[in-house]
């Protein structure tokens, strides 16, 4: 349990890796670079997925599914896009195996080579836009608002559970519009949805902004992002939305007839979040005792544990627990009554603390006599004795309080770890100490951005939407700048 968990201040990376496995979220697969998401971890992802899916559908989007395999020739149609993913692509070259000459081994059948290699999708713009060509003929077919829940493969050599794996789960939205303005509005709408989800479901404060040209998605004209700060002072890109202009429409010849009878190329967006959000959830909130889960995403919001010595005591506790479970379930609260006789109450306390269950209830013989129980909250580890009468209303309110408190703690941490740099020396000192977000002036050039990145490893996370106009000079070049951008070391 948590007793074997490395402390964050001792080795944050090791703490994270141990927590992911000890809390039964995921484990490394026998396939190099891939992971197995275990039931408890997948249950959290399902809650994320379901909440986001509803938000997408509430804004008019529908789900579809497109092939896992993409003809290699599709990637040659949009040059900047293929450049961005060329080094991460897994390629299928043959379609059959056969028994080797020794009669035992299995080898690739050299006579079963594909006429054209297939790419295992790293992202789906190309295959989707080749399909949209058949779906879009007229302005009446627009806007086309489609989302896909899928897996993708990006051949990573240095992997880390949830944060960077060769295969991961995500959603990718791909939309087509009649005008540039509509496409930009869509791209910004979706980054706002991601921000809403992060802050109100994940209890994760994020900064919304635009990516610099160097940091844009391959093939995009503009990329919008939400950036979150982890407890080790590193930034995590937690979701992106891209205005693709007409690049993919032109690459795949997707045109539509306007109301006036003219033929024009459509305007496009794409946007996505992935199981990387699981990593964000863990690193932003958890502590040295284990996971700390926001109640809205916790698979188990309340766990009830009996404490007893005799069968008669357990029977009386069972009756009270059953009544409380029903009251909580009627309020839509997920509750588990753990009356297993294979583990002690102390072992169970440690298990559910490690797994981040927001509220733990213990009921013993004395509680039956006094009509009370002990309640413990995971975020603060505070305990108190309360009456069973009206407990469902109190717990419902407590879950909201925990959700808000987790968010407040995270936003207070971000505020304490956001700094301003006015000189390059000051900037380098802050980066060296890995202090979190750094607001600094930048001259807007790719050259300066690359030099700062190469010398310090800090990157421009975004140009915040809410950045105030502030005349100054670039920390590196001394050239004029009218606003500060957000730098950080990132995952």
Protein backbone atom coordinates (compact mmCIF):
# COMPACT_ATOMS: atom_id res chain seq x y z
CA UNK A 1 0.00 0.00 0.00
CA UNK A 2 1.05 3.65 0.44
CA UNK A 3 3.67 2.65 3.02
CA UNK A 4 5.82 1.47 0.12
CA UNK A 5 5.19 4.60 -1.97
CA UNK A 6 8.18 6.84 -2.66
CA UNK A 7 7.69 10.40 -1.38
CA UNK A 8 7.12 13.07 -4.03
CA UNK A 9 9.94 15.25 -2.74
CA UNK A 10 12.38 12.34 -2.87
CA UNK A 11 11.73 11.25 -6.45
CA UNK A 12 8.64 12.62 -8.17
CA UNK A 13 9.02 10.45 -11.26
CA UNK A 14 9.34 7.27 -9.22
CA UNK A 15 6.40 8.32 -7.02
CA UNK A 16 4.25 8.70 -10.13
CA UNK A 17 5.25 5.36 -11.64
CA UNK A 18 4.68 3.52 -8.36
CA UNK A 19 1.32 5.18 -7.77
CA UNK A 20 -0.01 4.25 -11.22
CA UNK A 21 0.79 0.59 -10.61
CA UNK A 22 0.03 0.34 -6.86
CA UNK A 23 -3.37 2.02 -7.30
CA UNK A 24 -4.23 -0.52 -10.01
CA UNK A 25 -4.58 2.06 -12.77
CA UNK A 26 -2.28 0.57 -15.41
CA UNK A 27 0.81 -1.53 -15.99
CA UNK A 28 3.38 -2.01 -18.72
CA UNK A 29 2.45 -4.49 -21.42
CA UNK A 30 4.55 -7.29 -22.87
CA UNK A 31 4.44 -5.15 -26.04
CA UNK A 32 7.26 -2.63 -25.67
CA UNK A 33 6.00 0.91 -25.14
CA UNK A 34 2.36 -0.09 -24.70
CA UNK A 35 0.28 -0.25 -21.53
CA UNK A 36 -2.56 -2.27 -20.08
CA UNK A 37 -5.21 -0.01 -18.55
CA UNK A 38 -6.61 -1.96 -15.60
CA UNK A 39 -10.30 -1.94 -14.61
CA UNK A 40 -9.98 0.79 -11.95
CA UNK A 41 -8.01 3.04 -14.28
CA UNK A 42 -10.40 2.36 -17.15
CA UNK A 43 -13.37 3.19 -14.91
CA UNK A 44 -11.91 6.68 -14.41
CA UNK A 45 -11.33 7.03 -18.16
CA UNK A 46 -14.94 5.94 -18.79
CA UNK A 47 -16.20 8.74 -16.54
CA UNK A 48 -14.03 11.21 -18.43
CA UNK A 49 -15.19 9.83 -21.76
CA UNK A 50 -18.87 9.90 -20.84
CA UNK A 51 -18.73 13.48 -19.55
CA UNK A 52 -16.88 14.72 -22.63
CA UNK A 53 -19.10 12.75 -24.99
CA UNK A 54 -22.17 14.48 -23.57
CA UNK A 55 -20.51 17.89 -23.90
CA UNK A 56 -19.72 17.15 -27.55
CA UNK A 57 -23.24 15.98 -28.32
CA UNK A 58 -24.75 18.96 -26.50
CA UNK A 59 -22.91 21.18 -29.01
CA UNK A 60 -24.21 19.31 -32.04
CA UNK A 61 -21.46 16.75 -32.67
CA UNK A 62 -22.06 13.10 -33.54
CA UNK A 63 -19.79 10.07 -33.28
CA UNK A 64 -18.45 7.94 -36.13
CA UNK A 65 -15.56 5.55 -36.66
CA UNK A 66 -12.85 5.51 -39.34
CA UNK A 67 -10.23 2.87 -40.28
CA UNK A 68 -7.16 2.15 -38.19
CA UNK A 69 -5.05 1.81 -41.35
CA UNK A 70 -4.20 4.68 -43.68
CA UNK A 71 -2.64 4.29 -47.16
CA UNK A 72 0.87 5.73 -47.18
CA UNK A 73 0.06 7.86 -50.23
CA UNK A 74 -2.47 9.84 -48.19
CA UNK A 75 0.37 11.26 -46.10
CA UNK A 76 2.09 12.70 -49.14
CA UNK A 77 -0.85 14.99 -49.89
CA UNK A 78 -0.20 17.46 -47.02
CA UNK A 79 3.53 18.08 -46.67
CA UNK A 80 3.69 19.76 -43.26
CA UNK A 81 1.40 17.10 -41.78
CA UNK A 82 3.59 14.18 -42.87
CA UNK A 83 6.70 15.99 -41.64
CA UNK A 84 5.14 16.23 -38.20
CA UNK A 85 4.42 12.50 -37.88
CA UNK A 86 6.92 10.76 -40.19
CA UNK A 87 9.25 9.66 -37.38
CA UNK A 88 6.40 8.26 -35.24
CA UNK A 89 4.61 6.08 -37.81
CA UNK A 90 4.20 2.32 -37.55
CA UNK A 91 4.07 0.81 -41.04
CA UNK A 92 2.33 -2.40 -42.19
CA UNK A 93 4.17 -3.96 -45.13
CA UNK A 94 2.85 -7.56 -45.30
CA UNK A 95 -0.49 -9.25 -44.76
CA UNK A 96 0.37 -12.89 -44.00
CA UNK A 97 2.54 -15.17 -41.87
CA UNK A 98 3.73 -18.69 -42.61
CA UNK A 99 5.58 -21.55 -40.92
CA UNK A 100 9.36 -21.26 -41.23
CA UNK A 101 11.60 -23.75 -42.98
CA UNK A 102 12.32 -25.45 -39.63
CA UNK A 103 8.65 -26.36 -39.37
CA UNK A 104 8.33 -24.65 -35.99
CA UNK A 105 8.93 -20.92 -36.25
CA UNK A 106 6.54 -18.32 -37.66
CA UNK A 107 7.89 -15.92 -40.26
CA UNK A 108 6.54 -13.17 -42.51
CA UNK A 109 5.49 -14.51 -45.89
CA UNK A 110 7.72 -12.59 -48.30
CA UNK A 111 5.20 -13.24 -51.10
CA UNK A 112 2.48 -11.42 -49.15
CA UNK A 113 3.82 -7.90 -49.50
CA UNK A 114 1.22 -5.16 -49.75
CA UNK A 115 1.06 -3.20 -52.99
CA UNK A 116 0.97 -0.05 -50.87
CA UNK A 117 2.14 0.13 -47.27
CA UNK A 118 -0.43 1.04 -44.64
CA UNK A 119 0.22 3.44 -41.77
CA UNK A 120 -1.27 2.61 -38.37
CA UNK A 121 -3.04 5.88 -37.63
CA UNK A 122 -1.07 8.43 -35.62
CA UNK A 123 -4.05 10.78 -36.19
CA UNK A 124 -6.91 10.60 -38.68
CA UNK A 125 -6.98 13.84 -40.70
CA UNK A 126 -5.93 12.17 -43.94
CA UNK A 127 -8.28 9.17 -43.91
CA UNK A 128 -11.17 11.33 -42.71
CA UNK A 129 -10.72 14.03 -45.32
CA UNK A 130 -10.48 11.44 -48.08
CA UNK A 131 -13.90 10.27 -46.84
CA UNK A 132 -15.38 13.77 -46.49
CA UNK A 133 -14.80 14.28 -50.22
CA UNK A 134 -17.65 11.81 -50.80
CA UNK A 135 -19.90 13.31 -48.14
CA UNK A 136 -19.71 17.01 -48.99
CA UNK A 137 -21.09 18.44 -52.23
CA UNK A 138 -23.20 21.42 -51.21
CA UNK A 139 -23.56 24.08 -48.50
CA UNK A 140 -26.50 21.96 -47.32
CA UNK A 141 -23.99 19.32 -46.15
CA UNK A 142 -22.25 21.82 -43.85
CA UNK A 143 -21.28 22.11 -41.11
CA UNK A 144 -20.15 18.53 -40.68
CA UNK A 145 -19.45 17.95 -36.97
CA UNK A 146 -17.98 14.52 -36.29
CA UNK A 147 -16.05 13.02 -33.39
CA UNK A 148 -14.29 9.68 -33.13
CA UNK A 149 -13.34 7.70 -30.00
CA UNK A 150 -10.39 5.53 -30.97
CA UNK A 151 -6.84 4.37 -30.34
CA UNK A 152 -3.79 5.77 -32.14
CA UNK A 153 -0.16 4.70 -32.47
CA UNK A 154 2.84 7.01 -32.27
CA UNK A 155 6.07 5.07 -32.07
CA UNK A 156 7.59 6.51 -28.91
CA UNK A 157 10.97 5.20 -27.80
CA UNK A 158 10.89 6.63 -24.26
CA UNK A 159 7.52 5.87 -22.76
CA UNK A 160 5.71 6.54 -19.48
CA UNK A 161 2.32 5.17 -18.41
CA UNK A 162 -0.52 7.48 -19.54
CA UNK A 163 1.81 10.37 -20.36
CA UNK A 164 3.58 8.95 -23.39
CA UNK A 165 2.94 5.47 -24.79
CA UNK A 166 3.22 3.97 -28.26
CA UNK A 167 -0.53 3.32 -28.28
CA UNK A 168 -3.08 5.41 -26.42
CA UNK A 169 -6.79 6.12 -26.32
CA UNK A 170 -8.29 9.45 -27.31
CA UNK A 171 -11.06 11.25 -29.08
CA UNK A 172 -10.51 13.29 -32.21
CA UNK A 173 -13.04 15.72 -33.60
CA UNK A 174 -12.95 16.61 -37.30
CA UNK A 175 -15.28 19.28 -38.61
CA UNK A 176 -15.95 20.96 -41.97
CA UNK A 177 -17.40 24.45 -42.42
CA UNK A 178 -18.52 26.82 -45.14
CA UNK A 179 -16.53 29.83 -43.89
CA UNK A 180 -13.26 30.65 -42.22
CA UNK A 181 -15.07 32.46 -39.41
CA UNK A 182 -17.23 29.41 -38.62
CA UNK A 183 -14.19 27.12 -38.47
CA UNK A 184 -12.29 29.46 -36.15
CA UNK A 185 -15.38 29.76 -33.95
CA UNK A 186 -15.59 25.96 -33.79
CA UNK A 187 -11.92 25.55 -32.87
CA UNK A 188 -12.28 28.08 -30.05
CA UNK A 189 -15.58 26.57 -28.90
CA UNK A 190 -13.90 23.18 -28.45
CA UNK A 191 -10.90 24.50 -26.51
CA UNK A 192 -13.40 26.18 -24.21
CA UNK A 193 -15.19 22.84 -23.76
CA UNK A 194 -11.89 21.22 -22.82
CA UNK A 195 -11.22 24.02 -20.34
CA UNK A 196 -14.70 23.60 -18.86
CA UNK A 197 -14.17 19.86 -18.49
CA UNK A 198 -10.71 20.22 -16.95
CA UNK A 199 -11.78 22.77 -14.39
CA UNK A 200 -15.28 21.56 -13.49
CA UNK A 201 -14.76 17.79 -13.73
CA UNK A 202 -11.05 17.22 -13.19
CA UNK A 203 -10.73 20.10 -10.69
CA UNK A 204 -7.72 21.08 -12.81
CA UNK A 205 -7.07 24.79 -13.42
CA UNK A 206 -5.80 25.41 -16.94
CA UNK A 207 -4.56 28.35 -18.97
CA UNK A 208 -6.06 28.71 -22.44
CA UNK A 209 -4.07 30.20 -25.23
CA UNK A 210 -2.63 29.97 -28.72
CA UNK A 211 0.46 27.95 -29.58
CA UNK A 212 3.47 29.61 -31.16
CA UNK A 213 4.24 28.68 -34.76
CA UNK A 214 6.94 26.24 -33.63
CA UNK A 215 4.53 24.43 -31.32
CA UNK A 216 1.52 24.18 -33.64
CA UNK A 217 -0.02 20.90 -34.74
CA UNK A 218 1.44 19.66 -38.03
CA UNK A 219 -0.74 21.04 -40.83
CA UNK A 220 -2.60 23.62 -38.70
CA UNK A 221 -2.76 27.38 -39.24
CA UNK A 222 -3.52 27.95 -35.55
CA UNK A 223 -3.47 25.65 -32.54
CA UNK A 224 -5.27 26.48 -29.29
CA UNK A 225 -4.31 24.71 -26.09
CA UNK A 226 -5.05 24.25 -22.41
CA UNK A 227 -1.95 24.06 -20.22
CA UNK A 228 -1.91 22.68 -16.67
CA UNK A 229 0.78 22.77 -13.99
CA UNK A 230 1.82 19.57 -12.25
CA UNK A 231 3.13 19.38 -8.68
CA UNK A 232 6.74 19.00 -9.82
CA UNK A 233 6.62 22.38 -11.54
CA UNK A 234 6.34 20.99 -15.07
CA UNK A 235 3.59 21.93 -17.51
CA UNK A 236 1.35 19.40 -19.20
CA UNK A 237 -0.45 20.13 -22.47
CA UNK A 238 -3.88 18.77 -21.64
CA UNK A 239 -5.91 19.34 -24.79
CA UNK A 240 -5.61 21.04 -28.17
CA UNK A 241 -7.91 22.38 -30.87
CA UNK A 242 -6.70 23.24 -34.35
CA UNK A 243 -7.85 25.60 -37.08
CA UNK A 244 -6.69 23.78 -40.21
CA UNK A 245 -7.76 26.40 -42.74
CA UNK A 246 -8.29 24.82 -46.17
CA UNK A 247 -5.08 22.77 -46.16
CA UNK A 248 -6.71 19.35 -45.95
CA UNK A 249 -9.65 20.34 -48.14
CA UNK A 250 -7.21 21.31 -50.89
CA UNK A 251 -5.06 18.22 -50.34
CA UNK A 252 -8.08 15.94 -50.79
CA UNK A 253 -10.07 18.19 -53.15
CA UNK A 254 -13.05 18.67 -50.82
CA UNK A 255 -15.23 21.39 -52.36
CA UNK A 256 -18.82 22.48 -51.93
CA UNK A 257 -21.33 24.45 -53.98
CA UNK A 258 -22.27 27.71 -52.23
CA UNK A 259 -25.78 29.18 -52.17
CA UNK A 260 -24.69 31.38 -55.06
CA UNK A 261 -23.62 28.36 -57.09
CA UNK A 262 -19.89 28.94 -56.74
CA UNK A 263 -17.48 26.12 -55.93
CA UNK A 264 -15.25 26.63 -52.89
CA UNK A 265 -13.00 24.59 -50.62
CA UNK A 266 -14.36 23.89 -47.14
CA UNK A 267 -12.71 25.08 -43.92
CA UNK A 268 -11.58 22.57 -41.31
CA UNK A 269 -10.84 21.98 -37.64
CA UNK A 270 -9.62 19.07 -35.56
CA UNK A 271 -9.39 18.73 -31.78
CA UNK A 272 -8.59 16.06 -29.24
CA UNK A 273 -7.77 14.91 -25.73
CA UNK A 274 -6.34 11.55 -24.71
CA UNK A 275 -5.60 9.23 -21.80
CA UNK A 276 -2.82 11.73 -21.02
CA UNK A 277 -5.58 13.39 -18.95
CA UNK A 278 -5.23 10.42 -16.59
CA UNK A 279 -1.63 11.45 -16.00
CA UNK A 280 -2.73 15.03 -15.38
CA UNK A 281 -5.32 13.90 -12.85
CA UNK A 282 -2.75 11.87 -10.93
CA UNK A 283 0.08 14.41 -10.94
CA UNK A 284 -2.01 17.50 -10.18
CA UNK A 285 -3.84 16.23 -7.08
CA UNK A 286 -2.36 13.10 -5.53
CA UNK A 287 -0.19 12.98 -2.40
CA UNK A 288 2.24 10.72 -0.58
CA UNK A 289 -0.64 8.52 0.61
CA UNK A 290 -1.90 7.79 -2.91
CA UNK A 291 -4.48 9.06 -5.36
CA UNK A 292 -6.70 12.05 -4.63
CA UNK A 293 -9.64 11.88 -7.01
CA UNK A 294 -12.20 14.64 -7.65
CA UNK A 295 -15.59 13.15 -6.69
CA UNK A 296 -17.03 13.77 -10.17
CA UNK A 297 -14.51 11.34 -11.69
CA UNK A 298 -14.12 8.84 -8.84
CA UNK A 299 -15.44 5.36 -9.77
CA UNK A 300 -16.31 4.91 -6.08
CA UNK A 301 -17.35 8.15 -4.40
CA UNK A 302 -18.15 6.65 -0.99
CA UNK A 303 -16.91 3.43 0.58
CA UNK A 304 -18.46 1.96 3.73
CA UNK A 305 -16.37 -0.36 5.90
CA UNK A 306 -17.80 -2.38 8.82
CA UNK A 307 -15.83 -2.87 12.03
CA UNK A 308 -17.02 -5.85 14.05
CA UNK A 309 -15.99 -8.83 16.13
CA UNK A 310 -19.11 -11.00 16.07
CA UNK A 311 -21.60 -12.17 13.44
CA UNK A 312 -24.40 -10.44 15.36
CA UNK A 313 -22.55 -7.12 15.21
CA UNK A 314 -21.98 -7.52 11.48
CA UNK A 315 -25.66 -8.28 10.87
CA UNK A 316 -26.71 -5.06 12.63
CA UNK A 317 -24.07 -3.06 10.68
CA UNK A 318 -25.21 -4.66 7.41
CA UNK A 319 -28.74 -3.35 7.97
CA UNK A 320 -27.53 0.20 8.63
CA UNK A 321 -25.12 0.07 5.69
CA UNK A 322 -27.79 -1.23 3.31
CA UNK A 323 -30.10 1.64 4.27
CA UNK A 324 -27.35 4.21 3.79
CA UNK A 325 -26.30 2.69 0.45
CA UNK A 326 -29.84 2.96 -0.86
CA UNK A 327 -30.16 6.61 0.23
CA UNK A 328 -26.87 7.50 -1.44
CA UNK A 329 -27.64 5.63 -4.66
CA UNK A 330 -31.00 7.42 -4.85
CA UNK A 331 -29.01 10.66 -4.99
CA UNK A 332 -26.84 9.35 -7.83
CA UNK A 333 -23.81 8.79 -5.58
CA UNK A 334 -21.66 5.72 -6.34
CA UNK A 335 -21.14 3.79 -3.12
CA UNK A 336 -19.46 0.50 -2.22
CA UNK A 337 -20.08 -1.50 0.94
CA UNK A 338 -16.96 -3.56 1.55
CA UNK A 339 -17.86 -6.29 4.00
CA UNK A 340 -15.24 -8.78 2.76
CA UNK A 341 -13.99 -11.01 5.55
CA UNK A 342 -10.67 -11.65 3.79
CA UNK A 343 -9.10 -8.32 4.80
CA UNK A 344 -8.96 -6.31 8.03
CA UNK A 345 -10.60 -2.85 8.32
CA UNK A 346 -7.14 -1.28 8.56
CA UNK A 347 -6.05 -2.91 5.31
CA UNK A 348 -9.22 -1.65 3.63
CA UNK A 349 -8.66 1.89 4.95
CA UNK A 350 -5.19 1.91 3.38
CA UNK A 351 -6.47 0.44 0.10
CA UNK A 352 -9.19 3.03 -0.43
CA UNK A 353 -6.93 5.86 0.66
CA UNK A 354 -4.39 4.71 -1.93
CA UNK A 355 -7.12 4.54 -4.58
CA UNK A 356 -8.34 8.04 -3.80
CA UNK A 357 -11.94 7.30 -2.80
CA UNK A 358 -13.24 10.75 -1.74
CA UNK A 359 -15.29 9.68 1.31
CA UNK A 360 -14.74 6.74 3.64
CA UNK A 361 -17.29 5.67 6.24
CA UNK A 362 -16.60 3.29 9.13
CA UNK A 363 -19.46 1.75 11.12
CA UNK A 364 -18.86 -0.22 14.33
CA UNK A 365 -20.97 -1.62 17.21
CA UNK A 366 -20.78 1.66 19.16
CA UNK A 367 -22.05 3.52 16.09
CA UNK A 368 -25.06 1.20 15.96
CA UNK A 369 -25.82 2.06 19.59
CA UNK A 370 -25.37 5.81 19.05
CA UNK A 371 -26.88 5.96 15.54
CA UNK A 372 -23.61 7.46 14.23
CA UNK A 373 -20.63 6.62 12.07
CA UNK A 374 -17.11 7.90 11.41
CA UNK A 375 -16.59 9.77 8.16
CA UNK A 376 -13.17 10.55 6.64
CA UNK A 377 -12.49 12.75 3.63
CA UNK A 378 -9.61 11.85 1.33
CA UNK A 379 -8.57 15.38 0.33
CA UNK A 380 -7.77 16.60 3.86
CA UNK A 381 -7.65 13.24 5.74
CA UNK A 382 -9.99 14.81 8.33
CA UNK A 383 -12.29 12.52 10.32
CA UNK A 384 -15.39 13.20 12.37
CA UNK A 385 -18.37 11.43 13.91
CA UNK A 386 -21.78 12.28 12.44
CA UNK A 387 -25.36 11.10 12.86
CA UNK A 388 -26.71 8.56 10.41
CA UNK A 389 -29.92 10.62 10.23
CA UNK A 390 -29.66 12.96 7.26
CA UNK A 391 -26.28 11.53 6.33
CA UNK A 392 -27.15 11.29 2.63
CA UNK A 393 -27.73 15.05 2.39
CA UNK A 394 -24.53 15.78 4.31
CA UNK A 395 -22.47 13.44 2.12
CA UNK A 396 -23.91 14.92 -1.07
CA UNK A 397 -22.84 18.37 0.15
CA UNK A 398 -19.46 17.05 1.31
CA UNK A 399 -18.67 15.64 -2.14
CA UNK A 400 -19.26 19.09 -3.66
CA UNK A 401 -17.05 20.61 -0.98
CA UNK A 402 -14.26 18.12 -1.71
CA UNK A 403 -14.49 18.80 -5.47
CA UNK A 404 -14.18 22.54 -4.85
CA UNK A 405 -11.39 22.13 -2.31
CA UNK A 406 -9.29 20.01 -4.67
CA UNK A 407 -9.65 22.70 -7.34
CA UNK A 408 -8.78 25.48 -4.89
CA UNK A 409 -5.66 23.65 -3.74
CA UNK A 410 -4.53 23.21 -7.35
CA UNK A 411 -5.18 26.82 -8.35
CA UNK A 412 -3.43 28.10 -5.20
CA UNK A 413 -0.45 25.92 -6.10
CA UNK A 414 -0.41 27.34 -9.62
CA UNK A 415 -0.56 30.91 -8.32
CA UNK A 416 2.34 30.25 -5.95
CA UNK A 417 4.36 28.71 -8.78
CA UNK A 418 3.80 31.29 -11.51
CA UNK A 419 6.60 33.83 -11.84
CA UNK A 420 7.59 36.79 -13.96
CA UNK A 421 10.99 37.17 -15.59
CA UNK A 422 12.26 40.49 -16.94
CA UNK A 423 15.79 39.47 -17.94
CA UNK A 424 17.29 36.38 -19.53
CA UNK A 425 19.46 35.72 -16.48
CA UNK A 426 16.43 35.87 -14.23
CA UNK A 427 14.59 33.57 -16.64
CA UNK A 428 17.40 30.98 -16.68
CA UNK A 429 17.56 30.96 -12.89
CA UNK A 430 13.82 30.30 -12.66
CA UNK A 431 14.02 27.53 -15.24
CA UNK A 432 16.98 25.91 -13.48
CA UNK A 433 14.95 25.76 -10.27
CA UNK A 434 11.95 24.38 -12.20
CA UNK A 435 9.58 26.77 -10.51
CA UNK A 436 6.51 26.30 -12.72
CA UNK A 437 5.06 28.79 -15.19
CA UNK A 438 7.17 31.78 -16.20
CA UNK A 439 5.64 34.86 -17.82
CA UNK A 440 8.13 36.68 -20.02
CA UNK A 441 8.35 38.91 -23.07
CA UNK A 442 9.22 37.30 -26.42
CA UNK A 443 9.90 39.00 -29.73
CA UNK A 444 7.62 36.65 -31.68
CA UNK A 445 10.34 35.06 -33.82
CA UNK A 446 10.98 31.34 -34.34
CA UNK A 447 14.73 31.94 -34.08
CA UNK A 448 14.53 33.39 -30.55
CA UNK A 449 12.11 30.68 -29.47
CA UNK A 450 14.47 27.95 -30.69
CA UNK A 451 17.50 29.50 -28.98
CA UNK A 452 15.68 29.76 -25.64
CA UNK A 453 14.48 26.15 -25.98
CA UNK A 454 17.94 24.82 -26.86
CA UNK A 455 19.68 26.73 -24.07
CA UNK A 456 17.16 26.18 -21.26
CA UNK A 457 14.80 23.34 -22.39
CA UNK A 458 11.89 25.70 -21.59
CA UNK A 459 9.25 26.08 -24.30
CA UNK A 460 6.47 28.54 -24.97
CA UNK A 461 3.43 26.70 -23.66
CA UNK A 462 1.03 29.26 -25.07
CA UNK A 463 0.26 32.89 -25.73
CA UNK A 464 -2.59 33.23 -23.20
CA UNK A 465 -5.93 34.45 -24.50
CA UNK A 466 -6.18 36.76 -21.51
CA UNK A 467 -2.65 38.15 -21.78
CA UNK A 468 -2.74 41.89 -21.15
CA UNK A 469 -1.13 44.37 -23.50
CA UNK A 470 2.14 45.32 -21.85
CA UNK A 471 4.88 46.99 -23.81
CA UNK A 472 8.31 45.58 -23.03
CA UNK A 473 11.37 43.94 -24.56
CA UNK A 474 12.14 40.31 -25.32
CA UNK A 475 14.14 38.66 -22.55
CA UNK A 476 16.63 37.27 -25.09
CA UNK A 477 16.87 39.63 -28.07
CA UNK A 478 15.82 42.91 -26.46
CA UNK A 479 13.44 43.55 -29.35
CA UNK A 480 9.99 45.11 -28.69
CA UNK A 481 7.16 42.94 -27.32
CA UNK A 482 3.62 43.93 -26.42
CA UNK A 483 2.63 41.01 -24.16
CA UNK A 484 4.10 38.25 -22.04
CA UNK A 485 3.87 34.61 -23.08
CA UNK A 486 3.87 31.51 -20.89
CA UNK A 487 7.08 29.46 -20.67
CA UNK A 488 7.73 26.24 -18.75
CA UNK A 489 9.58 22.95 -18.77
CA UNK A 490 6.99 20.48 -20.01
CA UNK A 491 6.18 16.78 -20.27
